[in-house]
């Protein structure tokens, strides 16, 4: 596991690249989830407005890890001001 300072550095390093990928609306740091539950592992969370298309190139896909840090994708939908 990595500490928060290291993860923040990696998040900042890749933020612009990640924000250019389809449907990405935000990036943050948080406890990443496995297939069934939240874990104790701190990682990078990439938030999407909708599922990413299945026909993306490798360059368009969100990586599962960045310099060893786990990356989790969460579909949150769209937001609007009420």
PDB file of N, CA and C in Angstrom:
ATOM      1  N   UNK A   1       0.843  -1.190   0.000  1.00  0.00           N
ATOM      2  CA  UNK A   1       0.000   0.000   0.000  1.00  0.00           C
ATOM      3  C   UNK A   1       0.882   1.245   0.000  1.00  0.00           C
ATOM      4  N   UNK A   2       0.341   2.284  -0.606  1.00  0.00           N
ATOM      5  CA  UNK A   2       1.063   3.549  -0.697  1.00  0.00           C
ATOM      6  C   UNK A   2       0.426   4.570   0.237  1.00  0.00           C
ATOM      7  N   UNK A   3       1.210   5.561   0.658  1.00  0.00           N
ATOM      8  CA  UNK A   3       0.649   6.591   1.526  1.00  0.00           C
ATOM      9  C   UNK A   3      -0.060   7.662   0.681  1.00  0.00           C
ATOM     10  N   UNK A   4      -0.832   8.503   1.352  1.00  0.00           N
ATOM     11  CA  UNK A   4      -1.656   9.508   0.683  1.00  0.00           C
ATOM     12  C   UNK A   4      -0.823  10.511  -0.104  1.00  0.00           C
ATOM     13  N   UNK A   5       0.347  10.871   0.380  1.00  0.00           N
ATOM     14  CA  UNK A   5       1.189  11.830  -0.335  1.00  0.00           C
ATOM     15  C   UNK A   5       1.638  11.271  -1.680  1.00  0.00           C
ATOM     16  N   UNK A   6       2.044  10.009  -1.704  1.00  0.00           N
ATOM     17  CA  UNK A   6       2.468   9.386  -2.955  1.00  0.00           C
ATOM     18  C   UNK A   6       1.288   9.297  -3.926  1.00  0.00           C
ATOM     19  N   UNK A   7       0.144   8.879  -3.443  1.00  0.00           N
ATOM     20  CA  UNK A   7      -1.041   8.751  -4.298  1.00  0.00           C
ATOM     21  C   UNK A   7      -1.453  10.115  -4.852  1.00  0.00           C
ATOM     22  N   UNK A   8      -1.401  11.150  -4.027  1.00  0.00           N
ATOM     23  CA  UNK A   8      -1.726  12.502  -4.491  1.00  0.00           C
ATOM     24  C   UNK A   8      -0.770  12.946  -5.595  1.00  0.00           C
ATOM     25  N   UNK A   9       0.496  12.608  -5.471  1.00  0.00           N
ATOM     26  CA  UNK A   9       1.482  12.948  -6.493  1.00  0.00           C
ATOM     27  C   UNK A   9       1.158  12.236  -7.812  1.00  0.00           C
ATOM     28  N   UNK A  10       0.836  10.966  -7.747  1.00  0.00           N
ATOM     29  CA  UNK A  10       0.496  10.197  -8.946  1.00  0.00           C
ATOM     30  C   UNK A  10      -0.808  10.712  -9.548  1.00  0.00           C
ATOM     31  N   UNK A  11      -1.786  11.007  -8.711  1.00  0.00           N
ATOM     32  CA  UNK A  11      -3.064  11.547  -9.181  1.00  0.00           C
ATOM     33  C   UNK A  11      -2.837  12.855  -9.946  1.00  0.00           C
ATOM     34  N   UNK A  12      -2.043  13.735  -9.380  1.00  0.00           N
ATOM     35  CA  UNK A  12      -1.761  15.021 -10.026  1.00  0.00           C
ATOM     36  C   UNK A  12      -1.010  14.823 -11.341  1.00  0.00           C
ATOM     37  N   UNK A  13      -0.071  13.907 -11.349  1.00  0.00           N
ATOM     38  CA  UNK A  13       0.733  13.641 -12.546  1.00  0.00           C
ATOM     39  C   UNK A  13      -0.136  13.194 -13.722  1.00  0.00           C
ATOM     40  N   UNK A  14      -1.172  12.388 -13.455  1.00  0.00           N
ATOM     41  CA  UNK A  14      -1.987  11.809 -14.521  1.00  0.00           C
ATOM     42  C   UNK A  14      -3.361  12.455 -14.685  1.00  0.00           C
ATOM     43  N   UNK A  15      -3.674  13.469 -13.900  1.00  0.00           N
ATOM     44  CA  UNK A  15      -5.019  14.066 -13.914  1.00  0.00           C
ATOM     45  C   UNK A  15      -5.440  14.544 -15.299  1.00  0.00           C
ATOM     46  N   UNK A  16      -4.619  15.321 -15.959  1.00  0.00           N
ATOM     47  CA  UNK A  16      -5.000  15.845 -17.270  1.00  0.00           C
ATOM     48  C   UNK A  16      -5.231  14.728 -18.280  1.00  0.00           C
ATOM     49  N   UNK A  17      -4.368  13.736 -18.257  1.00  0.00           N
ATOM     50  CA  UNK A  17      -4.507  12.591 -19.165  1.00  0.00           C
ATOM     51  C   UNK A  17      -5.816  11.848 -18.906  1.00  0.00           C
ATOM     52  N   UNK A  18      -6.128  11.598 -17.636  1.00  0.00           N
ATOM     53  CA  UNK A  18      -7.349  10.869 -17.294  1.00  0.00           C
ATOM     54  C   UNK A  18      -8.601  11.667 -17.645  1.00  0.00           C
ATOM     55  N   UNK A  19      -8.562  12.979 -17.435  1.00  0.00           N
ATOM     56  CA  UNK A  19      -9.735  13.811 -17.715  1.00  0.00           C
ATOM     57  C   UNK A  19     -10.057  13.907 -19.206  1.00  0.00           C
ATOM     58  N   UNK A  20      -9.128  13.531 -20.067  1.00  0.00           N
ATOM     59  CA  UNK A  20      -9.359  13.542 -21.509  1.00  0.00           C
ATOM     60  C   UNK A  20     -10.040  12.266 -22.006  1.00  0.00           C
ATOM     61  N   UNK A  21     -10.139  11.274 -21.164  1.00  0.00           N
ATOM     62  CA  UNK A  21     -10.717   9.993 -21.574  1.00  0.00           C
ATOM     63  C   UNK A  21     -12.243  10.087 -21.606  1.00  0.00           C
ATOM     64  N   UNK A  22     -12.893   9.286 -22.452  1.00  0.00           N
ATOM     65  CA  UNK A  22     -14.356   9.348 -22.598  1.00  0.00           C
ATOM     66  C   UNK A  22     -15.108   9.199 -21.278  1.00  0.00           C
ATOM     67  N   UNK A  23     -16.072  10.093 -21.067  1.00  0.00           N
ATOM     68  CA  UNK A  23     -17.019  10.067 -19.945  1.00  0.00           C
ATOM     69  C   UNK A  23     -16.428  10.376 -18.572  1.00  0.00           C
ATOM     70  N   UNK A  24     -15.158  10.727 -18.477  1.00  0.00           N
ATOM     71  CA  UNK A  24     -14.553  11.044 -17.178  1.00  0.00           C
ATOM     72  C   UNK A  24     -15.002  12.439 -16.744  1.00  0.00           C
ATOM     73  N   UNK A  25     -15.550  12.529 -15.522  1.00  0.00           N
ATOM     74  CA  UNK A  25     -16.027  13.807 -14.991  1.00  0.00           C
ATOM     75  C   UNK A  25     -15.258  14.248 -13.747  1.00  0.00           C
ATOM     76  N   UNK A  26     -14.431  13.373 -13.196  1.00  0.00           N
ATOM     77  CA  UNK A  26     -13.676  13.756 -12.018  1.00  0.00           C
ATOM     78  C   UNK A  26     -12.704  12.678 -11.584  1.00  0.00           C
ATOM     79  N   UNK A  27     -11.760  13.101 -10.746  1.00  0.00           N
ATOM     80  CA  UNK A  27     -10.738  12.196 -10.227  1.00  0.00           C
ATOM     81  C   UNK A  27     -10.537  12.534  -8.764  1.00  0.00           C
ATOM     82  N   UNK A  28     -10.369  11.523  -7.934  1.00  0.00           N
ATOM     83  CA  UNK A  28     -10.138  11.763  -6.523  1.00  0.00           C
ATOM     84  C   UNK A  28      -9.350  10.628  -5.902  1.00  0.00           C
ATOM     85  N   UNK A  29      -9.111  10.763  -4.619  1.00  0.00           N
ATOM     86  CA  UNK A  29      -8.430   9.730  -3.857  1.00  0.00           C
ATOM     87  C   UNK A  29      -9.449   9.142  -2.896  1.00  0.00           C
ATOM     88  N   UNK A  30      -9.433   7.831  -2.745  1.00  0.00           N
ATOM     89  CA  UNK A  30     -10.379   7.222  -1.818  1.00  0.00           C
ATOM     90  C   UNK A  30     -10.073   5.763  -1.596  1.00  0.00           C
ATOM     91  N   UNK A  31     -10.863   5.154  -0.754  1.00  0.00           N
ATOM     92  CA  UNK A  31     -10.725   3.732  -0.500  1.00  0.00           C
ATOM     93  C   UNK A  31     -11.311   3.005  -1.701  1.00  0.00           C
ATOM     94  N   UNK A  32     -10.491   2.208  -2.354  1.00  0.00           N
ATOM     95  CA  UNK A  32     -10.937   1.516  -3.559  1.00  0.00           C
ATOM     96  C   UNK A  32     -11.734   0.280  -3.183  1.00  0.00           C
ATOM     97  N   UNK A  33     -12.574  -0.140  -4.098  1.00  0.00           N
ATOM     98  CA  UNK A  33     -13.448  -1.285  -3.845  1.00  0.00           C
ATOM     99  C   UNK A  33     -13.005  -2.486  -4.662  1.00  0.00           C
ATOM    100  N   UNK A  34     -13.195  -3.657  -4.073  1.00  0.00           N
ATOM    101  CA  UNK A  34     -13.001  -4.889  -4.830  1.00  0.00           C
ATOM    102  C   UNK A  34     -14.345  -5.185  -5.499  1.00  0.00           C
ATOM    103  N   UNK A  35     -14.470  -6.339  -6.081  1.00  0.00           N
ATOM    104  CA  UNK A  35     -15.720  -6.694  -6.753  1.00  0.00           C
ATOM    105  C   UNK A  35     -16.894  -6.761  -5.776  1.00  0.00           C
ATOM    106  N   UNK A  36     -16.616  -6.990  -4.502  1.00  0.00           N
ATOM    107  CA  UNK A  36     -17.701  -7.190  -3.548  1.00  0.00           C
ATOM    108  C   UNK A  36     -17.769  -6.200  -2.393  1.00  0.00           C
ATOM    109  N   UNK A  37     -16.673  -5.535  -2.083  1.00  0.00           N
ATOM    110  CA  UNK A  37     -16.688  -4.668  -0.903  1.00  0.00           C
ATOM    111  C   UNK A  37     -15.579  -3.629  -0.960  1.00  0.00           C
ATOM    112  N   UNK A  38     -15.739  -2.587  -0.148  1.00  0.00           N
ATOM    113  CA  UNK A  38     -14.683  -1.591  -0.005  1.00  0.00           C
ATOM    114  C   UNK A  38     -13.511  -2.236   0.710  1.00  0.00           C
ATOM    115  N   UNK A  39     -12.321  -1.852   0.326  1.00  0.00           N
ATOM    116  CA  UNK A  39     -11.121  -2.415   0.939  1.00  0.00           C
ATOM    117  C   UNK A  39     -10.463  -1.375   1.836  1.00  0.00           C
ATOM    118  N   UNK A  40      -9.373  -1.733   2.413  1.00  0.00           N
ATOM    119  CA  UNK A  40      -8.585  -0.815   3.242  1.00  0.00           C
ATOM    120  C   UNK A  40      -7.511  -0.133   2.409  1.00  0.00           C
ATOM    121  N   UNK A  41      -7.537  -0.325   1.101  1.00  0.00           N
ATOM    122  CA  UNK A  41      -6.500   0.212   0.227  1.00  0.00           C
ATOM    123  C   UNK A  41      -6.889   1.590  -0.306  1.00  0.00           C
ATOM    124  N   UNK A  42      -6.000   2.537  -0.130  1.00  0.00           N
ATOM    125  CA  UNK A  42      -6.189   3.876  -0.663  1.00  0.00           C
ATOM    126  C   UNK A  42      -5.713   3.886  -2.105  1.00  0.00           C
ATOM    127  N   UNK A  43      -6.495   4.498  -2.987  1.00  0.00           N
ATOM    128  CA  UNK A  43      -6.130   4.534  -4.393  1.00  0.00           C
ATOM    129  C   UNK A  43      -6.725   5.737  -5.084  1.00  0.00           C
ATOM    130  N   UNK A  44      -6.682   5.720  -6.409  1.00  0.00           N
ATOM    131  CA  UNK A  44      -7.242   6.787  -7.226  1.00  0.00           C
ATOM    132  C   UNK A  44      -8.599   6.338  -7.733  1.00  0.00           C
ATOM    133  N   UNK A  45      -9.595   7.211  -7.590  1.00  0.00           N
ATOM    134  CA  UNK A  45     -10.952   6.921  -8.048  1.00  0.00           C
ATOM    135  C   UNK A  45     -11.236   7.828  -9.241  1.00  0.00           C
ATOM    136  N   UNK A  46     -11.602   7.214 -10.366  1.00  0.00           N
ATOM    137  CA  UNK A  46     -11.955   7.954 -11.570  1.00  0.00           C
ATOM    138  C   UNK A  46     -13.469   7.870 -11.717  1.00  0.00           C
ATOM    139  N   UNK A  47     -14.122   9.035 -11.744  1.00  0.00           N
ATOM    140  CA  UNK A  47     -15.579   9.100 -11.795  1.00  0.00           C
ATOM    141  C   UNK A  47     -16.056   9.347 -13.224  1.00  0.00           C
ATOM    142  N   UNK A  48     -17.063   8.569 -13.645  1.00  0.00           N
ATOM    143  CA  UNK A  48     -17.590   8.653 -14.997  1.00  0.00           C
ATOM    144  C   UNK A  48     -19.038   9.115 -15.001  1.00  0.00           C
ATOM    145  N   UNK A  49     -19.434   9.787 -16.084  1.00  0.00           N
ATOM    146  CA  UNK A  49     -20.832  10.181 -16.264  1.00  0.00           C
ATOM    147  C   UNK A  49     -21.659   9.007 -16.762  1.00  0.00           C
ATOM    148  N   UNK A  50     -21.020   8.065 -17.454  1.00  0.00           N
ATOM    149  CA  UNK A  50     -21.678   6.868 -17.988  1.00  0.00           C
ATOM    150  C   UNK A  50     -20.606   5.820 -18.238  1.00  0.00           C
ATOM    151  N   UNK A  51     -21.034   4.577 -18.416  1.00  0.00           N
ATOM    152  CA  UNK A  51     -20.082   3.513 -18.740  1.00  0.00           C
ATOM    153  C   UNK A  51     -19.281   3.900 -19.976  1.00  0.00           C
ATOM    154  N   UNK A  52     -18.042   3.485 -20.019  1.00  0.00           N
ATOM    155  CA  UNK A  52     -17.233   3.746 -21.202  1.00  0.00           C
ATOM    156  C   UNK A  52     -17.613   2.759 -22.301  1.00  0.00           C
ATOM    157  N   UNK A  53     -17.562   3.209 -23.553  1.00  0.00           N
ATOM    158  CA  UNK A  53     -17.855   2.303 -24.660  1.00  0.00           C
ATOM    159  C   UNK A  53     -16.878   1.120 -24.671  1.00  0.00           C
ATOM    160  N   UNK A  54     -17.326   0.002 -25.180  1.00  0.00           N
ATOM    161  CA  UNK A  54     -16.486  -1.206 -25.197  1.00  0.00           C
ATOM    162  C   UNK A  54     -15.462  -1.197 -26.327  1.00  0.00           C
ATOM    163  N   UNK A  55     -15.632  -0.334 -27.303  1.00  0.00           N
ATOM    164  CA  UNK A  55     -14.752  -0.334 -28.470  1.00  0.00           C
ATOM    165  C   UNK A  55     -13.629   0.704 -28.367  1.00  0.00           C
ATOM    166  N   UNK A  56     -13.193   1.021 -27.165  1.00  0.00           N
ATOM    167  CA  UNK A  56     -12.122   2.001 -26.977  1.00  0.00           C
ATOM    168  C   UNK A  56     -10.762   1.418 -27.338  1.00  0.00           C
ATOM    169  N   UNK A  57      -9.885   2.282 -27.794  1.00  0.00           N
ATOM    170  CA  UNK A  57      -8.498   1.864 -28.017  1.00  0.00           C
ATOM    171  C   UNK A  57      -7.810   1.731 -26.658  1.00  0.00           C
ATOM    172  N   UNK A  58      -6.674   1.078 -26.636  1.00  0.00           N
ATOM    173  CA  UNK A  58      -5.928   0.939 -25.376  1.00  0.00           C
ATOM    174  C   UNK A  58      -5.587   2.309 -24.783  1.00  0.00           C
ATOM    175  N   UNK A  59      -5.286   3.286 -25.632  1.00  0.00           N
ATOM    176  CA  UNK A  59      -4.938   4.639 -25.164  1.00  0.00           C
ATOM    177  C   UNK A  59      -6.127   5.337 -24.514  1.00  0.00           C
ATOM    178  N   UNK A  60      -7.337   4.993 -24.919  1.00  0.00           N
ATOM    179  CA  UNK A  60      -8.545   5.624 -24.369  1.00  0.00           C
ATOM    180  C   UNK A  60      -9.034   4.965 -23.087  1.00  0.00           C
ATOM    181  N   UNK A  61      -8.576   3.770 -22.814  1.00  0.00           N
ATOM    182  CA  UNK A  61      -9.026   3.038 -21.622  1.00  0.00           C
ATOM    183  C   UNK A  61      -8.383   3.604 -20.360  1.00  0.00           C
ATOM    184  N   UNK A  62      -9.097   3.481 -19.263  1.00  0.00           N
ATOM    185  CA  UNK A  62      -8.564   3.890 -17.962  1.00  0.00           C
ATOM    186  C   UNK A  62      -7.752   2.722 -17.416  1.00  0.00           C
ATOM    187  N   UNK A  63      -6.505   2.961 -17.064  1.00  0.00           N
ATOM    188  CA  UNK A  63      -5.664   1.859 -16.572  1.00  0.00           C
ATOM    189  C   UNK A  63      -6.127   1.368 -15.202  1.00  0.00           C
ATOM    190  N   UNK A  64      -5.836   0.120 -14.904  1.00  0.00           N
ATOM    191  CA  UNK A  64      -6.184  -0.460 -13.601  1.00  0.00           C
ATOM    192  C   UNK A  64      -5.196  -0.035 -12.520  1.00  0.00           C
ATOM    193  N   UNK A  65      -4.002   0.388 -12.948  1.00  0.00           N
ATOM    194  CA  UNK A  65      -2.969   0.856 -12.029  1.00  0.00           C
ATOM    195  C   UNK A  65      -2.169   1.959 -12.700  1.00  0.00           C
ATOM    196  N   UNK A  66      -1.701   2.899 -11.893  1.00  0.00           N
ATOM    197  CA  UNK A  66      -0.789   3.952 -12.344  1.00  0.00           C
ATOM    198  C   UNK A  66       0.403   3.954 -11.407  1.00  0.00           C
ATOM    199  N   UNK A  67       1.549   3.594 -11.917  1.00  0.00           N
ATOM    200  CA  UNK A  67       2.776   3.521 -11.124  1.00  0.00           C
ATOM    201  C   UNK A  67       2.562   2.741  -9.825  1.00  0.00           C
ATOM    202  N   UNK A  68       1.821   1.641  -9.939  1.00  0.00           N
ATOM    203  CA  UNK A  68       1.579   0.759  -8.805  1.00  0.00           C
ATOM    204  C   UNK A  68       0.348   1.085  -7.994  1.00  0.00           C
ATOM    205  N   UNK A  69      -0.239   2.261  -8.183  1.00  0.00           N
ATOM    206  CA  UNK A  69      -1.421   2.682  -7.419  1.00  0.00           C
ATOM    207  C   UNK A  69      -2.682   2.135  -8.100  1.00  0.00           C
ATOM    208  N   UNK A  70      -3.558   1.501  -7.336  1.00  0.00           N
ATOM    209  CA  UNK A  70      -4.804   0.970  -7.870  1.00  0.00           C
ATOM    210  C   UNK A  70      -5.713   2.101  -8.315  1.00  0.00           C
ATOM    211  N   UNK A  71      -6.329   1.925  -9.487  1.00  0.00           N
ATOM    212  CA  UNK A  71      -7.284   2.887 -10.030  1.00  0.00           C
ATOM    213  C   UNK A  71      -8.637   2.198 -10.108  1.00  0.00           C
ATOM    214  N   UNK A  72      -9.638   2.801  -9.479  1.00  0.00           N
ATOM    215  CA  UNK A  72     -11.001   2.275  -9.523  1.00  0.00           C
ATOM    216  C   UNK A  72     -11.873   3.222 -10.332  1.00  0.00           C
ATOM    217  N   UNK A  73     -12.733   2.651 -11.162  1.00  0.00           N
ATOM    218  CA  UNK A  73     -13.668   3.434 -11.960  1.00  0.00           C
ATOM    219  C   UNK A  73     -15.043   3.330 -11.315  1.00  0.00           C
ATOM    220  N   UNK A  74     -15.686   4.487 -11.122  1.00  0.00           N
ATOM    221  CA  UNK A  74     -17.050   4.524 -10.567  1.00  0.00           C
ATOM    222  C   UNK A  74     -17.944   5.333 -11.493  1.00  0.00           C
ATOM    223  N   UNK A  75     -19.062   4.755 -11.893  1.00  0.00           N
ATOM    224  CA  UNK A  75     -20.025   5.465 -12.724  1.00  0.00           C
ATOM    225  C   UNK A  75     -20.989   6.195 -11.792  1.00  0.00           C
ATOM    226  N   UNK A  76     -20.986   7.535 -11.867  1.00  0.00           N
ATOM    227  CA  UNK A  76     -21.810   8.352 -10.980  1.00  0.00           C
ATOM    228  C   UNK A  76     -22.996   8.992 -11.702  1.00  0.00           C
ATOM    229  N   UNK A  77     -22.946   9.051 -13.017  1.00  0.00           N
ATOM    230  CA  UNK A  77     -23.988   9.737 -13.775  1.00  0.00           C
ATOM    231  C   UNK A  77     -23.634  11.204 -13.932  1.00  0.00           C
ATOM    232  N   UNK A  78     -24.604  11.975 -14.376  1.00  0.00           N
ATOM    233  CA  UNK A  78     -24.369  13.397 -14.585  1.00  0.00           C
ATOM    234  C   UNK A  78     -24.915  14.204 -13.424  1.00  0.00           C
ATOM    235  N   UNK A  79     -24.403  15.406 -13.268  1.00  0.00           N
ATOM    236  CA  UNK A  79     -24.809  16.293 -12.198  1.00  0.00           C
ATOM    237  C   UNK A  79     -25.326  17.589 -12.797  1.00  0.00           C
ATOM    238  N   UNK A  80     -26.266  18.206 -12.112  1.00  0.00           N
ATOM    239  CA  UNK A  80     -26.736  19.515 -12.567  1.00  0.00           C
ATOM    240  C   UNK A  80     -27.080  20.358 -11.342  1.00  0.00           C
ATOM    241  N   UNK A  81     -27.069  21.652 -11.524  1.00  0.00           N
ATOM    242  CA  UNK A  81     -27.407  22.575 -10.447  1.00  0.00           C
ATOM    243  C   UNK A  81     -28.925  22.657 -10.352  1.00  0.00           C
ATOM    244  N   UNK A  82     -29.431  22.542  -9.152  1.00  0.00           N
ATOM    245  CA  UNK A  82     -30.894  22.605  -8.956  1.00  0.00           C
ATOM    246  C   UNK A  82     -31.349  24.025  -8.758  1.00  0.00           C
TER     247      UNK A  82
END
